Amino acid sequence: PELTMKKFLACESNMAFNRQTRMLADLTLVDCYKKTYSKKERERRILESAKANLESLAFVGLTEYQVESQELFEHAFNFKFMIQFEVAGTSKSLANLEKLSEAVK
């Protein structure tokens, strides 16, 4: 059976939801994936942890904007890389963005 976008999004245990937030958060604050807290409280704690961790980072760059990220880094830290970043083609995210946009319409 084919997995449609609708079925994918309807899955309550879909690990794609808030993935970046979880990756930035300290999951020990919510006992990892144990159900110690309500879903709402767990999500609140994860979000607050991710935000705190982001605020503590000196710099964040984006893969899809490598050249711009390099320029910002160089400006922010008064540092010049010996080699300019090169974008080799496209990322999987950008390559699938158009397909996703069409699927969600």
PDB file of N, CA and C in Angstrom:
ATOM      1  N   PRO A   1       0.837  -1.194   0.000  1.00  0.00           N
ATOM      2  CA  PRO A   1       0.000   0.000   0.000  1.00  0.00           C
ATOM      3  C   PRO A   1       0.884   1.260   0.000  1.00  0.00           C
ATOM      4  N   GLU A   2       0.453   2.228  -0.758  1.00  0.00           N
ATOM      5  CA  GLU A   2       1.201   3.480  -0.875  1.00  0.00           C
ATOM      6  C   GLU A   2       0.927   4.381   0.329  1.00  0.00           C
ATOM      7  N   LEU A   3       1.986   4.992   0.823  1.00  0.00           N
ATOM      8  CA  LEU A   3       1.841   5.929   1.929  1.00  0.00           C
ATOM      9  C   LEU A   3       1.585   7.315   1.347  1.00  0.00           C
ATOM     10  N   THR A   4       0.416   7.816   1.571  1.00  0.00           N
ATOM     11  CA  THR A   4       0.073   9.141   1.060  1.00  0.00           C
ATOM     12  C   THR A   4       0.520  10.196   2.065  1.00  0.00           C
ATOM     13  N   MET A   5       0.582  11.429   1.601  1.00  0.00           N
ATOM     14  CA  MET A   5       0.943  12.533   2.484  1.00  0.00           C
ATOM     15  C   MET A   5      -0.069  12.643   3.616  1.00  0.00           C
ATOM     16  N   LYS A   6      -1.323  12.447   3.311  1.00  0.00           N
ATOM     17  CA  LYS A   6      -2.377  12.536   4.323  1.00  0.00           C
ATOM     18  C   LYS A   6      -2.168  11.498   5.431  1.00  0.00           C
ATOM     19  N   LYS A   7      -1.856  10.241   5.043  1.00  0.00           N
ATOM     20  CA  LYS A   7      -1.608   9.191   6.029  1.00  0.00           C
ATOM     21  C   LYS A   7      -0.349   9.495   6.841  1.00  0.00           C
ATOM     22  N   PHE A   8       0.681   9.970   6.152  1.00  0.00           N
ATOM     23  CA  PHE A   8       1.939  10.310   6.816  1.00  0.00           C
ATOM     24  C   PHE A   8       1.716  11.371   7.893  1.00  0.00           C
ATOM     25  N   LEU A   9       0.959  12.403   7.550  1.00  0.00           N
ATOM     26  CA  LEU A   9       0.709  13.490   8.489  1.00  0.00           C
ATOM     27  C   LEU A   9      -0.257  13.098   9.597  1.00  0.00           C
ATOM     28  N   ALA A  10      -1.093  12.105   9.357  1.00  0.00           N
ATOM     29  CA  ALA A  10      -2.076  11.672  10.353  1.00  0.00           C
ATOM     30  C   ALA A  10      -1.479  10.765  11.427  1.00  0.00           C
ATOM     31  N   CYS A  11      -0.287  10.267  11.207  1.00  0.00           N
ATOM     32  CA  CYS A  11       0.337   9.348  12.168  1.00  0.00           C
ATOM     33  C   CYS A  11       0.764  10.094  13.428  1.00  0.00           C
ATOM     34  N   GLU A  12       0.175   9.739  14.567  1.00  0.00           N
ATOM     35  CA  GLU A  12       0.472  10.425  15.828  1.00  0.00           C
ATOM     36  C   GLU A  12       1.903  10.218  16.297  1.00  0.00           C
ATOM     37  N   SER A  13       2.508   9.092  15.942  1.00  0.00           N
ATOM     38  CA  SER A  13       3.875   8.816  16.403  1.00  0.00           C
ATOM     39  C   SER A  13       4.911   9.136  15.322  1.00  0.00           C
ATOM     40  N   ASN A  14       4.561  10.009  14.406  1.00  0.00           N
ATOM     41  CA  ASN A  14       5.440  10.396  13.313  1.00  0.00           C
ATOM     42  C   ASN A  14       6.641  11.162  13.865  1.00  0.00           C
ATOM     43  N   MET A  15       7.834  10.563  13.765  1.00  0.00           N
ATOM     44  CA  MET A  15       9.043  11.176  14.305  1.00  0.00           C
ATOM     45  C   MET A  15       9.521  12.367  13.467  1.00  0.00           C
ATOM     46  N   ALA A  16       8.901  12.626  12.337  1.00  0.00           N
ATOM     47  CA  ALA A  16       9.273  13.784  11.530  1.00  0.00           C
ATOM     48  C   ALA A  16       8.730  15.080  12.135  1.00  0.00           C
ATOM     49  N   PHE A  17       7.653  14.993  12.888  1.00  0.00           N
ATOM     50  CA  PHE A  17       7.091  16.187  13.506  1.00  0.00           C
ATOM     51  C   PHE A  17       8.075  16.770  14.512  1.00  0.00           C
ATOM     52  N   ASN A  18       8.358  18.030  14.375  1.00  0.00           N
ATOM     53  CA  ASN A  18       9.252  18.753  15.299  1.00  0.00           C
ATOM     54  C   ASN A  18      10.630  18.117  15.420  1.00  0.00           C
ATOM     55  N   ARG A  19      11.080  17.474  14.377  1.00  0.00           N
ATOM     56  CA  ARG A  19      12.371  16.776  14.410  1.00  0.00           C
ATOM     57  C   ARG A  19      13.535  17.706  14.756  1.00  0.00           C
ATOM     58  N   GLN A  20      13.614  18.848  14.103  1.00  0.00           N
ATOM     59  CA  GLN A  20      14.721  19.762  14.383  1.00  0.00           C
ATOM     60  C   GLN A  20      14.658  20.263  15.824  1.00  0.00           C
ATOM     61  N   THR A  21      13.465  20.499  16.321  1.00  0.00           N
ATOM     62  CA  THR A  21      13.310  20.943  17.705  1.00  0.00           C
ATOM     63  C   THR A  21      13.849  19.886  18.655  1.00  0.00           C
ATOM     64  N   ARG A  22      13.485  18.630  18.427  1.00  0.00           N
ATOM     65  CA  ARG A  22      13.984  17.549  19.285  1.00  0.00           C
ATOM     66  C   ARG A  22      15.496  17.403  19.183  1.00  0.00           C
ATOM     67  N   MET A  23      16.030  17.585  17.981  1.00  0.00           N
ATOM     68  CA  MET A  23      17.475  17.438  17.801  1.00  0.00           C
ATOM     69  C   MET A  23      18.247  18.539  18.527  1.00  0.00           C
ATOM     70  N   LEU A  24      17.640  19.692  18.689  1.00  0.00           N
ATOM     71  CA  LEU A  24      18.290  20.803  19.387  1.00  0.00           C
ATOM     72  C   LEU A  24      18.063  20.772  20.897  1.00  0.00           C
ATOM     73  N   ALA A  25      17.096  20.011  21.335  1.00  0.00           N
ATOM     74  CA  ALA A  25      16.713  20.002  22.751  1.00  0.00           C
ATOM     75  C   ALA A  25      17.506  18.981  23.557  1.00  0.00           C
ATOM     76  N   ASP A  26      17.506  19.200  24.860  1.00  0.00           N
ATOM     77  CA  ASP A  26      18.056  18.235  25.812  1.00  0.00           C
ATOM     78  C   ASP A  26      16.896  17.325  26.219  1.00  0.00           C
ATOM     79  N   LEU A  27      16.808  16.155  25.597  1.00  0.00           N
ATOM     80  CA  LEU A  27      15.671  15.265  25.833  1.00  0.00           C
ATOM     81  C   LEU A  27      15.676  14.620  27.220  1.00  0.00           C
ATOM     82  N   THR A  28      16.788  14.730  27.930  1.00  0.00           N
ATOM     83  CA  THR A  28      16.786  14.188  29.296  1.00  0.00           C
ATOM     84  C   THR A  28      15.847  14.997  30.195  1.00  0.00           C
ATOM     85  N   LEU A  29      15.530  16.215  29.785  1.00  0.00           N
ATOM     86  CA  LEU A  29      14.598  17.047  30.559  1.00  0.00           C
ATOM     87  C   LEU A  29      13.180  16.496  30.541  1.00  0.00           C
ATOM     88  N   VAL A  30      12.897  15.624  29.590  1.00  0.00           N
ATOM     89  CA  VAL A  30      11.568  15.022  29.497  1.00  0.00           C
ATOM     90  C   VAL A  30      11.671  13.493  29.536  1.00  0.00           C
ATOM     91  N   ASP A  31      12.728  12.990  30.128  1.00  0.00           N
ATOM     92  CA  ASP A  31      12.966  11.544  30.210  1.00  0.00           C
ATOM     93  C   ASP A  31      12.930  10.890  28.830  1.00  0.00           C
ATOM     94  N   CYS A  32      13.581  11.538  27.896  1.00  0.00           N
ATOM     95  CA  CYS A  32      13.633  11.081  26.496  1.00  0.00           C
ATOM     96  C   CYS A  32      12.223  10.877  25.963  1.00  0.00           C
ATOM     97  N   TYR A  33      11.882   9.654  25.627  1.00  0.00           N
ATOM     98  CA  TYR A  33      10.565   9.437  25.020  1.00  0.00           C
ATOM     99  C   TYR A  33       9.598   8.705  25.957  1.00  0.00           C
ATOM    100  N   LYS A  34       9.933   8.640  27.238  1.00  0.00           N
ATOM    101  CA  LYS A  34       9.000   8.059  28.198  1.00  0.00           C
ATOM    102  C   LYS A  34       7.818   9.014  28.347  1.00  0.00           C
ATOM    103  N   LYS A  35       6.706   8.497  28.756  1.00  0.00           N
ATOM    104  CA  LYS A  35       5.507   9.332  28.878  1.00  0.00           C
ATOM    105  C   LYS A  35       5.333   9.845  30.304  1.00  0.00           C
ATOM    106  N   THR A  36       6.407  10.421  30.845  1.00  0.00           N
ATOM    107  CA  THR A  36       6.386  10.986  32.187  1.00  0.00           C
ATOM    108  C   THR A  36       5.502  12.217  32.250  1.00  0.00           C
ATOM    109  N   TYR A  37       5.489  13.002  31.163  1.00  0.00           N
ATOM    110  CA  TYR A  37       4.729  14.243  31.100  1.00  0.00           C
ATOM    111  C   TYR A  37       3.620  14.126  30.065  1.00  0.00           C
ATOM    112  N   SER A  38       2.645  15.002  30.186  1.00  0.00           N
ATOM    113  CA  SER A  38       1.599  15.055  29.162  1.00  0.00           C
ATOM    114  C   SER A  38       2.260  15.481  27.849  1.00  0.00           C
ATOM    115  N   LYS A  39       1.598  15.197  26.733  1.00  0.00           N
ATOM    116  CA  LYS A  39       2.152  15.568  25.429  1.00  0.00           C
ATOM    117  C   LYS A  39       2.398  17.078  25.368  1.00  0.00           C
ATOM    118  N   LYS A  40       1.441  17.849  25.840  1.00  0.00           N
ATOM    119  CA  LYS A  40       1.567  19.306  25.807  1.00  0.00           C
ATOM    120  C   LYS A  40       2.753  19.778  26.646  1.00  0.00           C
ATOM    121  N   GLU A  41       2.918  19.233  27.858  1.00  0.00           N
ATOM    122  CA  GLU A  41       4.023  19.624  28.733  1.00  0.00           C
ATOM    123  C   GLU A  41       5.362  19.172  28.156  1.00  0.00           C
ATOM    124  N   ARG A  42       5.411  17.958  27.614  1.00  0.00           N
ATOM    125  CA  ARG A  42       6.647  17.442  27.000  1.00  0.00           C
ATOM    126  C   ARG A  42       7.064  18.344  25.839  1.00  0.00           C
ATOM    127  N   GLU A  43       6.111  18.691  24.978  1.00  0.00           N
ATOM    128  CA  GLU A  43       6.421  19.552  23.832  1.00  0.00           C
ATOM    129  C   GLU A  43       6.863  20.941  24.279  1.00  0.00           C
ATOM    130  N   ARG A  44       6.252  21.470  25.331  1.00  0.00           N
ATOM    131  CA  ARG A  44       6.647  22.777  25.856  1.00  0.00           C
ATOM    132  C   ARG A  44       8.084  22.743  26.365  1.00  0.00           C
ATOM    133  N   ARG A  45       8.419  21.697  27.128  1.00  0.00           N
ATOM    134  CA  ARG A  45       9.776  21.574  27.675  1.00  0.00           C
ATOM    135  C   ARG A  45      10.816  21.394  26.568  1.00  0.00           C
ATOM    136  N   ILE A  46      10.471  20.597  25.574  1.00  0.00           N
ATOM    137  CA  ILE A  46      11.393  20.381  24.453  1.00  0.00           C
ATOM    138  C   ILE A  46      11.625  21.694  23.704  1.00  0.00           C
ATOM    139  N   LEU A  47      10.570  22.434  23.444  1.00  0.00           N
ATOM    140  CA  LEU A  47      10.700  23.710  22.736  1.00  0.00           C
ATOM    141  C   LEU A  47      11.547  24.698  23.528  1.00  0.00           C
ATOM    142  N   GLU A  48      11.298  24.812  24.822  1.00  0.00           N
ATOM    143  CA  GLU A  48      12.071  25.738  25.653  1.00  0.00           C
ATOM    144  C   GLU A  48      13.545  25.338  25.681  1.00  0.00           C
ATOM    145  N   SER A  49      13.823  24.053  25.758  1.00  0.00           N
ATOM    146  CA  SER A  49      15.202  23.578  25.753  1.00  0.00           C
ATOM    147  C   SER A  49      15.886  23.875  24.420  1.00  0.00           C
ATOM    148  N   ALA A  50      15.183  23.621  23.328  1.00  0.00           N
ATOM    149  CA  ALA A  50      15.750  23.892  22.001  1.00  0.00           C
ATOM    150  C   ALA A  50      16.035  25.381  21.832  1.00  0.00           C
ATOM    151  N   LYS A  51      15.118  26.220  22.273  1.00  0.00           N
ATOM    152  CA  LYS A  51      15.323  27.667  22.162  1.00  0.00           C
ATOM    153  C   LYS A  51      16.532  28.108  22.992  1.00  0.00           C
ATOM    154  N   ALA A  52      16.661  27.571  24.193  1.00  0.00           N
ATOM    155  CA  ALA A  52      17.800  27.919  25.044  1.00  0.00           C
ATOM    156  C   ALA A  52      19.114  27.470  24.393  1.00  0.00           C
ATOM    157  N   ASN A  53      19.109  26.276  23.820  1.00  0.00           N
ATOM    158  CA  ASN A  53      20.325  25.791  23.164  1.00  0.00           C
ATOM    159  C   ASN A  53      20.672  26.632  21.945  1.00  0.00           C
ATOM    160  N   LEU A  54      19.677  27.034  21.172  1.00  0.00           N
ATOM    161  CA  LEU A  54      19.924  27.908  20.024  1.00  0.00           C
ATOM    162  C   LEU A  54      20.515  29.247  20.459  1.00  0.00           C
ATOM    163  N   GLU A  55      19.971  29.788  21.535  1.00  0.00           N
ATOM    164  CA  GLU A  55      20.473  31.073  22.031  1.00  0.00           C
ATOM    165  C   GLU A  55      21.917  30.978  22.498  1.00  0.00           C
ATOM    166  N   SER A  56      22.347  29.793  22.907  1.00  0.00           N
ATOM    167  CA  SER A  56      23.722  29.638  23.402  1.00  0.00           C
ATOM    168  C   SER A  56      24.732  29.397  22.275  1.00  0.00           C
ATOM    169  N   LEU A  57      24.247  29.157  21.059  1.00  0.00           N
ATOM    170  CA  LEU A  57      25.158  28.936  19.937  1.00  0.00           C
ATOM    171  C   LEU A  57      25.719  30.268  19.451  1.00  0.00           C
ATOM    172  N   ALA A  58      26.978  30.261  19.094  1.00  0.00           N
ATOM    173  CA  ALA A  58      27.609  31.482  18.579  1.00  0.00           C
ATOM    174  C   ALA A  58      27.174  31.765  17.145  1.00  0.00           C
ATOM    175  N   PHE A  59      26.827  30.717  16.405  1.00  0.00           N
ATOM    176  CA  PHE A  59      26.476  30.905  15.002  1.00  0.00           C
ATOM    177  C   PHE A  59      25.657  29.719  14.521  1.00  0.00           C
ATOM    178  N   VAL A  60      24.722  29.994  13.620  1.00  0.00           N
ATOM    179  CA  VAL A  60      23.940  28.952  12.969  1.00  0.00           C
ATOM    180  C   VAL A  60      23.925  29.257  11.475  1.00  0.00           C
ATOM    181  N   GLY A  61      24.307  28.287  10.666  1.00  0.00           N
ATOM    182  CA  GLY A  61      24.258  28.433   9.216  1.00  0.00           C
ATOM    183  C   GLY A  61      23.260  27.460   8.632  1.00  0.00           C
ATOM    184  N   LEU A  62      22.840  27.715   7.411  1.00  0.00           N
ATOM    185  CA  LEU A  62      21.878  26.848   6.746  1.00  0.00           C
ATOM    186  C   LEU A  62      22.505  26.190   5.530  1.00  0.00           C
ATOM    187  N   THR A  63      22.336  24.893   5.402  1.00  0.00           N
ATOM    188  CA  THR A  63      22.895  24.146   4.285  1.00  0.00           C
ATOM    189  C   THR A  63      22.422  24.712   2.960  1.00  0.00           C
ATOM    190  N   GLU A  64      21.149  25.056   2.880  1.00  0.00           N
ATOM    191  CA  GLU A  64      20.593  25.567   1.633  1.00  0.00           C
ATOM    192  C   GLU A  64      21.136  26.948   1.264  1.00  0.00           C
ATOM    193  N   TYR A  65      21.779  27.614   2.217  1.00  0.00           N
ATOM    194  CA  TYR A  65      22.357  28.941   1.998  1.00  0.00           C
ATOM    195  C   TYR A  65      23.819  28.949   2.455  1.00  0.00           C
ATOM    196  N   GLN A  66      24.600  28.023   1.930  1.00  0.00           N
ATOM    197  CA  GLN A  66      25.985  27.871   2.366  1.00  0.00           C
ATOM    198  C   GLN A  66      26.826  29.111   2.117  1.00  0.00           C
ATOM    199  N   VAL A  67      26.732  29.678   0.933  1.00  0.00           N
ATOM    200  CA  VAL A  67      27.541  30.849   0.602  1.00  0.00           C
ATOM    201  C   VAL A  67      27.177  32.018   1.516  1.00  0.00           C
ATOM    202  N   GLU A  68      25.887  32.270   1.671  1.00  0.00           N
ATOM    203  CA  GLU A  68      25.434  33.359   2.535  1.00  0.00           C
ATOM    204  C   GLU A  68      25.830  33.099   3.988  1.00  0.00           C
ATOM    205  N   SER A  69      25.729  31.840   4.416  1.00  0.00           N
ATOM    206  CA  SER A  69      26.116  31.488   5.786  1.00  0.00           C
ATOM    207  C   SER A  69      27.608  31.734   6.002  1.00  0.00           C
ATOM    208  N   GLN A  70      28.418  31.400   5.008  1.00  0.00           N
ATOM    209  CA  GLN A  70      29.849  31.645   5.113  1.00  0.00           C
ATOM    210  C   GLN A  70      30.130  33.145   5.233  1.00  0.00           C
ATOM    211  N   GLU A  71      29.467  33.930   4.414  1.00  0.00           N
ATOM    212  CA  GLU A  71      29.667  35.378   4.454  1.00  0.00           C
ATOM    213  C   GLU A  71      29.277  35.954   5.813  1.00  0.00           C
ATOM    214  N   LEU A  72      28.160  35.501   6.359  1.00  0.00           N
ATOM    215  CA  LEU A  72      27.726  35.963   7.681  1.00  0.00           C
ATOM    216  C   LEU A  72      28.725  35.558   8.755  1.00  0.00           C
ATOM    217  N   PHE A  73      29.224  34.313   8.680  1.00  0.00           N
ATOM    218  CA  PHE A  73      30.201  33.832   9.642  1.00  0.00           C
ATOM    219  C   PHE A  73      31.466  34.688   9.587  1.00  0.00           C
ATOM    220  N   GLU A  74      31.949  34.924   8.377  1.00  0.00           N
ATOM    221  CA  GLU A  74      33.173  35.721   8.208  1.00  0.00           C
ATOM    222  C   GLU A  74      32.987  37.125   8.774  1.00  0.00           C
ATOM    223  N   HIS A  75      31.835  37.721   8.519  1.00  0.00           N
ATOM    224  CA  HIS A  75      31.561  39.066   9.022  1.00  0.00           C
ATOM    225  C   HIS A  75      31.431  39.054  10.550  1.00  0.00           C
ATOM    226  N   ALA A  76      30.703  38.094  11.074  1.00  0.00           N
ATOM    227  CA  ALA A  76      30.449  38.041  12.517  1.00  0.00           C
ATOM    228  C   ALA A  76      31.722  37.837  13.326  1.00  0.00           C
ATOM    229  N   PHE A  77      32.649  37.029  12.795  1.00  0.00           N
ATOM    230  CA  PHE A  77      33.840  36.671  13.564  1.00  0.00           C
ATOM    231  C   PHE A  77      35.123  37.284  13.007  1.00  0.00           C
ATOM    232  N   ASN A  78      34.973  38.238  12.070  1.00  0.00           N
ATOM    233  CA  ASN A  78      36.127  38.889  11.467  1.00  0.00           C
ATOM    234  C   ASN A  78      37.166  37.851  11.039  1.00  0.00           C
ATOM    235  N   PHE A  79      36.689  36.919  10.258  1.00  0.00           N
ATOM    236  CA  PHE A  79      37.482  35.751   9.851  1.00  0.00           C
ATOM    237  C   PHE A  79      37.243  35.518   8.372  1.00  0.00           C
ATOM    238  N   LYS A  80      38.290  35.176   7.648  1.00  0.00           N
ATOM    239  CA  LYS A  80      38.154  34.913   6.214  1.00  0.00           C
ATOM    240  C   LYS A  80      38.591  33.481   5.929  1.00  0.00           C
ATOM    241  N   PHE A  81      37.677  32.666   5.376  1.00  0.00           N
ATOM    242  CA  PHE A  81      38.026  31.309   4.978  1.00  0.00           C
ATOM    243  C   PHE A  81      38.983  31.363   3.792  1.00  0.00           C
ATOM    244  N   MET A  82      39.900  30.425   3.717  1.00  0.00           N
ATOM    245  CA  MET A  82      40.848  30.381   2.605  1.00  0.00           C
ATOM    246  C   MET A  82      40.164  29.926   1.316  1.00  0.00           C
ATOM    247  N   ILE A  83      39.125  29.113   1.466  1.00  0.00           N
ATOM    248  CA  ILE A  83      38.395  28.584   0.313  1.00  0.00           C
ATOM    249  C   ILE A  83      36.927  28.949   0.467  1.00  0.00           C
ATOM    250  N   GLN A  84      36.355  29.491  -0.586  1.00  0.00           N
ATOM    251  CA  GLN A  84      34.931  29.817  -0.569  1.00  0.00           C
ATOM    252  C   GLN A  84      34.104  28.537  -0.623  1.00  0.00           C
ATOM    253  N   PHE A  85      32.996  28.526   0.097  1.00  0.00           N
ATOM    254  CA  PHE A  85      32.085  27.396   0.034  1.00  0.00           C
ATOM    255  C   PHE A  85      31.514  27.294  -1.375  1.00  0.00           C
ATOM    256  N   GLU A  86      31.282  26.092  -1.802  1.00  0.00           N
ATOM    257  CA  GLU A  86      30.640  25.873  -3.088  1.00  0.00           C
ATOM    258  C   GLU A  86      29.410  25.020  -2.881  1.00  0.00           C
ATOM    259  N   VAL A  87      28.358  25.383  -3.523  1.00  0.00           N
ATOM    260  CA  VAL A  87      27.145  24.590  -3.456  1.00  0.00           C
ATOM    261  C   VAL A  87      27.204  23.603  -4.611  1.00  0.00           C
ATOM    262  N   ALA A  88      27.340  22.338  -4.269  1.00  0.00           N
ATOM    263  CA  ALA A  88      27.454  21.288  -5.283  1.00  0.00           C
ATOM    264  C   ALA A  88      26.064  20.786  -5.647  1.00  0.00           C
ATOM    265  N   GLY A  89      25.451  21.443  -6.603  1.00  0.00           N
ATOM    266  CA  GLY A  89      24.113  21.018  -7.022  1.00  0.00           C
ATOM    267  C   GLY A  89      23.062  21.531  -6.080  1.00  0.00           C
ATOM    268  N   THR A  90      22.295  20.624  -5.531  1.00  0.00           N
ATOM    269  CA  THR A  90      21.185  21.000  -4.672  1.00  0.00           C
ATOM    270  C   THR A  90      21.079  20.014  -3.519  1.00  0.00           C
ATOM    271  N   SER A  91      20.428  20.424  -2.469  1.00  0.00           N
ATOM    272  CA  SER A  91      20.207  19.522  -1.344  1.00  0.00           C
ATOM    273  C   SER A  91      18.945  18.704  -1.608  1.00  0.00           C
ATOM    274  N   LYS A  92      18.800  17.629  -0.877  1.00  0.00           N
ATOM    275  CA  LYS A  92      17.581  16.827  -1.010  1.00  0.00           C
ATOM    276  C   LYS A  92      16.359  17.650  -0.629  1.00  0.00           C
ATOM    277  N   SER A  93      16.524  18.531   0.355  1.00  0.00           N
ATOM    278  CA  SER A  93      15.400  19.369   0.774  1.00  0.00           C
ATOM    279  C   SER A  93      14.905  20.238  -0.360  1.00  0.00           C
ATOM    280  N   LEU A  94      15.825  20.930  -1.011  1.00  0.00           N
ATOM    281  CA  LEU A  94      15.415  21.805  -2.109  1.00  0.00           C
ATOM    282  C   LEU A  94      14.887  21.001  -3.288  1.00  0.00           C
ATOM    283  N   ALA A  95      15.506  19.861  -3.544  1.00  0.00           N
ATOM    284  CA  ALA A  95      15.072  19.039  -4.677  1.00  0.00           C
ATOM    285  C   ALA A  95      13.653  18.528  -4.496  1.00  0.00           C
ATOM    286  N   ASN A  96      13.250  18.289  -3.257  1.00  0.00           N
ATOM    287  CA  ASN A  96      11.914  17.747  -2.997  1.00  0.00           C
ATOM    288  C   ASN A  96      10.883  18.810  -2.637  1.00  0.00           C
ATOM    289  N   LEU A  97      11.325  20.041  -2.472  1.00  0.00           N
ATOM    290  CA  LEU A  97      10.400  21.096  -2.069  1.00  0.00           C
ATOM    291  C   LEU A  97       9.272  21.283  -3.071  1.00  0.00           C
ATOM    292  N   GLU A  98       9.598  21.294  -4.338  1.00  0.00           N
ATOM    293  CA  GLU A  98       8.562  21.482  -5.352  1.00  0.00           C
ATOM    294  C   GLU A  98       7.588  20.309  -5.360  1.00  0.00           C
ATOM    295  N   LYS A  99       8.110  19.085  -5.235  1.00  0.00           N
ATOM    296  CA  LYS A  99       7.241  17.909  -5.200  1.00  0.00           C
ATOM    297  C   LYS A  99       6.303  17.987  -3.994  1.00  0.00           C
ATOM    298  N   LEU A 100       6.843  18.371  -2.857  1.00  0.00           N
ATOM    299  CA  LEU A 100       6.036  18.469  -1.641  1.00  0.00           C
ATOM    300  C   LEU A 100       4.952  19.537  -1.805  1.00  0.00           C
ATOM    301  N   SER A 101       5.335  20.681  -2.356  1.00  0.00           N
ATOM    302  CA  SER A 101       4.363  21.747  -2.562  1.00  0.00           C
ATOM    303  C   SER A 101       3.209  21.269  -3.417  1.00  0.00           C
ATOM    304  N   GLU A 102       3.503  20.507  -4.443  1.00  0.00           N
ATOM    305  CA  GLU A 102       2.460  19.983  -5.320  1.00  0.00           C
ATOM    306  C   GLU A 102       1.594  18.965  -4.584  1.00  0.00           C
ATOM    307  N   ALA A 103       2.222  18.122  -3.764  1.00  0.00           N
ATOM    308  CA  ALA A 103       1.483  17.072  -3.044  1.00  0.00           C
ATOM    309  C   ALA A 103       0.541  17.648  -1.992  1.00  0.00           C
ATOM    310  N   VAL A 104       0.916  18.763  -1.398  1.00  0.00           N
ATOM    311  CA  VAL A 104       0.108  19.351  -0.323  1.00  0.00           C
ATOM    312  C   VAL A 104      -1.056  20.158  -0.867  1.00  0.00           C
ATOM    313  N   LYS A 105      -0.950  20.631  -2.103  1.00  0.00           N
ATOM    314  CA  LYS A 105      -2.010  21.470  -2.689  1.00  0.00           C
ATOM    315  C   LYS A 105      -3.336  20.777  -2.746  1.00  0.00           C
TER     316      LYS A 105
END
